[in-house]
Amino acid sequence: MPQQRQVAKRFDSKNYLERGERNFGCDLEHFVYAKMLSGEEEAIRDLLLYGIWKTGQLKNEKIGSLFGLSYSGVSHAVNSTKLEPAKSRKLQTKFDKLNSLFKL
């Protein structure tokens, strides 16, 4: 795994999240500080989280710190997103568009 990180193209998670906020029309700070998220907000957060996780560049603990989650929360979100990629076609289209900008 360490060798893969050295060879892999550098991934800027901050830039990814900024573009994700614009693409989905959401506020990342709201995801971090909100005690509860609506169904669509949770789906958007999980898609952004999954996109970062897929790069393999950051550990779950670091990803969790970006979203106000524990590493275990990241793992649960990733697994649920893998099983059910997006709750709507509209969200999936926006997610695909975001990832195409970063060639993930």
Protein backbone atom coordinates (compact mmCIF):
# COMPACT_ATOMS: atom_id res chain seq x y z
CA MET A 1 0.00 0.00 0.00
CA PRO A 2 2.72 2.60 0.76
CA GLN A 3 4.21 1.99 -2.69
CA GLN A 4 0.83 2.60 -4.29
CA ARG A 5 0.55 5.95 -2.52
CA GLN A 6 3.95 7.00 -3.84
CA VAL A 7 3.13 6.06 -7.42
CA ALA A 8 -0.44 7.36 -7.40
CA LYS A 9 -1.19 10.84 -8.65
CA ARG A 10 -1.52 13.32 -5.79
CA PHE A 11 -5.12 13.81 -4.75
CA ASP A 12 -6.21 17.12 -3.23
CA SER A 13 -9.12 16.27 -0.95
CA LYS A 14 -9.77 19.95 -0.18
CA ASN A 15 -10.23 20.75 -3.89
CA TYR A 16 -12.42 17.66 -4.33
CA LEU A 17 -14.68 18.72 -1.46
CA GLU A 18 -14.90 22.34 -2.67
CA ARG A 19 -16.00 21.15 -6.09
CA GLY A 20 -18.35 18.67 -4.46
CA GLU A 21 -19.99 21.48 -2.48
CA ARG A 22 -20.57 23.46 -5.68
CA ASN A 23 -21.71 20.42 -7.66
CA PHE A 24 -24.20 19.21 -5.05
CA GLY A 25 -25.12 22.67 -3.74
CA CYS A 26 -24.35 21.70 -0.16
CA ASP A 27 -22.36 23.02 2.78
CA LEU A 28 -19.65 20.71 4.12
CA GLU A 29 -19.55 22.51 7.47
CA HIS A 30 -23.20 21.62 7.94
CA PHE A 31 -22.28 17.93 7.51
CA VAL A 32 -19.55 18.26 10.13
CA TYR A 33 -21.54 20.09 12.81
CA ALA A 34 -25.10 18.83 12.29
CA LYS A 35 -26.30 16.29 14.81
CA MET A 36 -28.69 14.73 12.27
CA LEU A 37 -28.81 14.88 8.49
CA SER A 38 -31.82 14.48 6.23
CA GLY A 39 -31.89 11.49 3.87
CA GLU A 40 -30.59 13.45 0.88
CA GLU A 41 -27.93 15.27 2.93
CA GLU A 42 -26.68 11.96 4.28
CA ALA A 43 -26.60 10.50 0.76
CA ILE A 44 -24.56 13.47 -0.52
CA ARG A 45 -22.15 13.28 2.42
CA ASP A 46 -21.71 9.54 1.90
CA LEU A 47 -21.08 9.97 -1.84
CA LEU A 48 -18.41 12.63 -1.22
CA LEU A 49 -16.86 10.48 1.48
CA TYR A 50 -16.91 7.43 -0.82
CA GLY A 51 -15.26 9.40 -3.63
CA ILE A 52 -12.36 10.31 -1.36
CA TRP A 53 -12.13 6.79 0.06
CA LYS A 54 -11.95 5.29 -3.46
CA THR A 55 -8.71 7.12 -4.17
CA GLY A 56 -6.91 5.11 -1.49
CA GLN A 57 -4.88 8.20 -0.61
CA LEU A 58 -6.33 8.84 2.85
CA LYS A 59 -6.95 6.58 5.81
CA ASN A 60 -10.45 6.29 7.26
CA GLU A 61 -9.39 8.30 10.31
CA LYS A 62 -8.31 11.26 8.13
CA ILE A 63 -11.45 11.05 5.99
CA GLY A 64 -13.52 10.98 9.16
CA SER A 65 -11.87 14.16 10.41
CA LEU A 66 -13.01 15.93 7.22
CA PHE A 67 -16.63 14.97 7.88
CA GLY A 68 -16.79 14.88 11.67
CA LEU A 69 -17.01 11.08 11.78
CA SER A 70 -15.00 8.32 13.42
CA TYR A 71 -13.01 5.88 11.27
CA SER A 72 -15.75 3.35 12.01
CA GLY A 73 -18.41 5.78 10.75
CA VAL A 74 -16.43 6.15 7.53
CA SER A 75 -16.29 2.38 7.14
CA HIS A 76 -20.06 2.06 7.62
CA ALA A 77 -20.77 4.88 5.14
CA VAL A 78 -18.45 3.32 2.54
CA ASN A 79 -20.07 -0.10 2.89
CA SER A 80 -23.59 1.28 2.60
CA THR A 81 -22.59 3.36 -0.44
CA LYS A 82 -21.00 0.33 -2.10
CA LEU A 83 -24.22 -1.65 -1.60
CA GLU A 84 -26.52 1.19 -2.67
CA PRO A 85 -24.46 3.64 -4.80
CA ALA A 86 -26.91 6.55 -4.89
CA LYS A 87 -30.44 7.03 -3.69
CA SER A 88 -31.40 8.86 -6.87
CA ARG A 89 -30.32 9.06 -10.49
CA LYS A 90 -29.81 12.83 -10.07
CA LEU A 91 -27.29 12.33 -7.23
CA GLN A 92 -25.50 9.57 -9.15
CA THR A 93 -25.18 11.83 -12.21
CA LYS A 94 -23.70 14.64 -10.11
CA PHE A 95 -21.31 12.19 -8.43
CA ASP A 96 -20.16 10.84 -11.81
CA LYS A 97 -19.65 14.40 -13.09
CA LEU A 98 -17.57 15.30 -10.02
CA ASN A 99 -15.40 12.21 -10.36
CA SER A 100 -14.86 12.83 -14.07
CA LEU A 101 -13.21 16.14 -13.14
CA PHE A 102 -10.66 14.22 -11.07
CA LYS A 103 -10.41 11.09 -13.24
CA LEU A 104 -11.10 8.75 -10.31
